[in-house]
Amino acid sequence: MTQEAQVAELVRLIRLHGGVDAEHGCSWVATGHERQEPGVFEKVTALVEQLGLERIRPAPAGLIPGALGVAIARDPRIDAAL
């Protein structure tokens, strides 16, 4: 998968299952909801690693509903695509 395709997939997952938190300077994907497509956590984790993005640990309190999730430090590649 090309970097452009990886960015596009991550942006799709952010739009579908998460959002952007300007206050905390991150994008996020909630991964613990039963209605989500299967394997969201694994997909996001792999894309974050492949793109060399920085995960925020722990995610800011209350940012990710449902406990499981991934918060990603803002990145120009992702921001431009969002």
C-alpha atoms as a PDB file:
ATOM      1  CA  MET A   1       0.000   0.000   0.000  1.00  0.00           C
ATOM      2  CA  THR A   2       1.417   3.391  -0.944  1.00  0.00           C
ATOM      3  CA  GLN A   3       1.818   6.156   1.613  1.00  0.00           C
ATOM      4  CA  GLU A   4      -1.014   8.069  -0.095  1.00  0.00           C
ATOM      5  CA  ALA A   5      -3.290   5.037   0.248  1.00  0.00           C
ATOM      6  CA  GLN A   6      -2.302   4.616   3.907  1.00  0.00           C
ATOM      7  CA  VAL A   7      -3.081   8.270   4.629  1.00  0.00           C
ATOM      8  CA  ALA A   8      -6.413   7.979   2.774  1.00  0.00           C
ATOM      9  CA  GLU A   9      -7.410   4.898   4.783  1.00  0.00           C
ATOM     10  CA  LEU A  10      -6.449   6.492   8.104  1.00  0.00           C
ATOM     11  CA  VAL A  11      -8.377   9.654   7.201  1.00  0.00           C
ATOM     12  CA  ARG A  12     -11.405   7.505   6.302  1.00  0.00           C
ATOM     13  CA  LEU A  13     -11.245   5.817   9.711  1.00  0.00           C
ATOM     14  CA  ILE A  14     -10.841   9.152  11.519  1.00  0.00           C
ATOM     15  CA  ARG A  15     -13.859  10.595   9.687  1.00  0.00           C
ATOM     16  CA  LEU A  16     -15.979   7.491  10.232  1.00  0.00           C
ATOM     17  CA  HIS A  17     -15.036   6.590  13.812  1.00  0.00           C
ATOM     18  CA  GLY A  18     -13.389   9.620  15.353  1.00  0.00           C
ATOM     19  CA  GLY A  19     -12.462  13.216  14.828  1.00  0.00           C
ATOM     20  CA  VAL A  20      -9.951  15.956  15.495  1.00  0.00           C
ATOM     21  CA  ASP A  21      -9.338  17.561  18.860  1.00  0.00           C
ATOM     22  CA  ALA A  22      -7.656  20.933  18.303  1.00  0.00           C
ATOM     23  CA  GLU A  23      -7.354  21.591  22.036  1.00  0.00           C
ATOM     24  CA  HIS A  24      -5.173  18.515  22.570  1.00  0.00           C
ATOM     25  CA  GLY A  25      -3.479  18.721  19.169  1.00  0.00           C
ATOM     26  CA  CYS A  26      -4.503  15.288  17.989  1.00  0.00           C
ATOM     27  CA  SER A  27      -6.731  13.227  15.755  1.00  0.00           C
ATOM     28  CA  TRP A  28      -8.446  10.242  17.284  1.00  0.00           C
ATOM     29  CA  VAL A  29     -10.301   7.050  16.441  1.00  0.00           C
ATOM     30  CA  ALA A  30     -12.592   5.318  18.922  1.00  0.00           C
ATOM     31  CA  THR A  31     -12.152   1.589  18.544  1.00  0.00           C
ATOM     32  CA  GLY A  32     -14.333   0.059  21.232  1.00  0.00           C
ATOM     33  CA  HIS A  33     -17.800   0.406  19.756  1.00  0.00           C
ATOM     34  CA  GLU A  34     -19.803  -2.654  18.772  1.00  0.00           C
ATOM     35  CA  ARG A  35     -21.192  -1.030  15.616  1.00  0.00           C
ATOM     36  CA  GLN A  36     -17.810  -0.405  14.072  1.00  0.00           C
ATOM     37  CA  GLU A  37     -16.341  -2.367  11.249  1.00  0.00           C
ATOM     38  CA  PRO A  38     -14.223  -5.305  12.430  1.00  0.00           C
ATOM     39  CA  GLY A  39     -10.535  -4.771  13.148  1.00  0.00           C
ATOM     40  CA  VAL A  40     -10.580  -0.960  13.460  1.00  0.00           C
ATOM     41  CA  PHE A  41      -8.053  -0.933  16.314  1.00  0.00           C
ATOM     42  CA  GLU A  42      -5.677  -3.214  14.409  1.00  0.00           C
ATOM     43  CA  LYS A  43      -6.032  -1.190  11.188  1.00  0.00           C
ATOM     44  CA  VAL A  44      -5.407   2.132  12.908  1.00  0.00           C
ATOM     45  CA  THR A  45      -2.487   0.791  14.925  1.00  0.00           C
ATOM     46  CA  ALA A  46      -0.840  -0.648  11.799  1.00  0.00           C
ATOM     47  CA  LEU A  47      -1.351   2.544   9.790  1.00  0.00           C
ATOM     48  CA  VAL A  48       0.028   4.714  12.596  1.00  0.00           C
ATOM     49  CA  GLU A  49       3.122   2.516  12.758  1.00  0.00           C
ATOM     50  CA  GLN A  50       3.605   2.349   8.967  1.00  0.00           C
ATOM     51  CA  LEU A  51       3.287   6.127   8.615  1.00  0.00           C
ATOM     52  CA  GLY A  52       5.573   6.815  11.581  1.00  0.00           C
ATOM     53  CA  LEU A  53       2.935   8.819  13.433  1.00  0.00           C
ATOM     54  CA  GLU A  54       3.164   9.566  17.140  1.00  0.00           C
ATOM     55  CA  ARG A  55       0.500   8.061  19.372  1.00  0.00           C
ATOM     56  CA  ILE A  56      -0.560  10.025  22.424  1.00  0.00           C
ATOM     57  CA  ARG A  57      -0.538   7.893  25.551  1.00  0.00           C
ATOM     58  CA  PRO A  58      -2.659   8.081  27.487  1.00  0.00           C
ATOM     59  CA  ALA A  59      -5.260   9.732  25.345  1.00  0.00           C
ATOM     60  CA  PRO A  60      -6.626  12.928  26.906  1.00  0.00           C
ATOM     61  CA  ALA A  61      -9.389  12.113  29.384  1.00  0.00           C
ATOM     62  CA  GLY A  62     -12.799  12.009  27.799  1.00  0.00           C
ATOM     63  CA  LEU A  63     -11.417  12.346  24.275  1.00  0.00           C
ATOM     64  CA  ILE A  64     -12.164   8.801  23.240  1.00  0.00           C
ATOM     65  CA  PRO A  65     -15.577   7.475  24.250  1.00  0.00           C
ATOM     66  CA  GLY A  66     -15.724   3.832  25.204  1.00  0.00           C
ATOM     67  CA  ALA A  67     -12.209   3.385  26.655  1.00  0.00           C
ATOM     68  CA  LEU A  68     -10.533   1.763  23.648  1.00  0.00           C
ATOM     69  CA  GLY A  69      -9.109   4.091  21.107  1.00  0.00           C
ATOM     70  CA  VAL A  70      -6.092   5.629  19.466  1.00  0.00           C
ATOM     71  CA  ALA A  71      -5.107   9.289  19.754  1.00  0.00           C
ATOM     72  CA  ILE A  72      -2.606  10.458  17.143  1.00  0.00           C
ATOM     73  CA  ALA A  73      -0.496  13.617  17.355  1.00  0.00           C
ATOM     74  CA  ARG A  74      -1.417  16.038  14.568  1.00  0.00           C
ATOM     75  CA  ASP A  75       0.552  15.481  11.371  1.00  0.00           C
ATOM     76  CA  PRO A  76       0.584  17.667   8.237  1.00  0.00           C
ATOM     77  CA  ARG A  77      -0.083  14.688   5.931  1.00  0.00           C
ATOM     78  CA  ILE A  78      -3.212  13.724   7.828  1.00  0.00           C
ATOM     79  CA  ASP A  79      -4.367  17.306   8.415  1.00  0.00           C
ATOM     80  CA  ALA A  80      -4.092  18.101   4.699  1.00  0.00           C
ATOM     81  CA  ALA A  81      -6.244  15.094   3.816  1.00  0.00           C
ATOM     82  CA  LEU A  82      -8.859  15.821   6.467  1.00  0.00           C
END
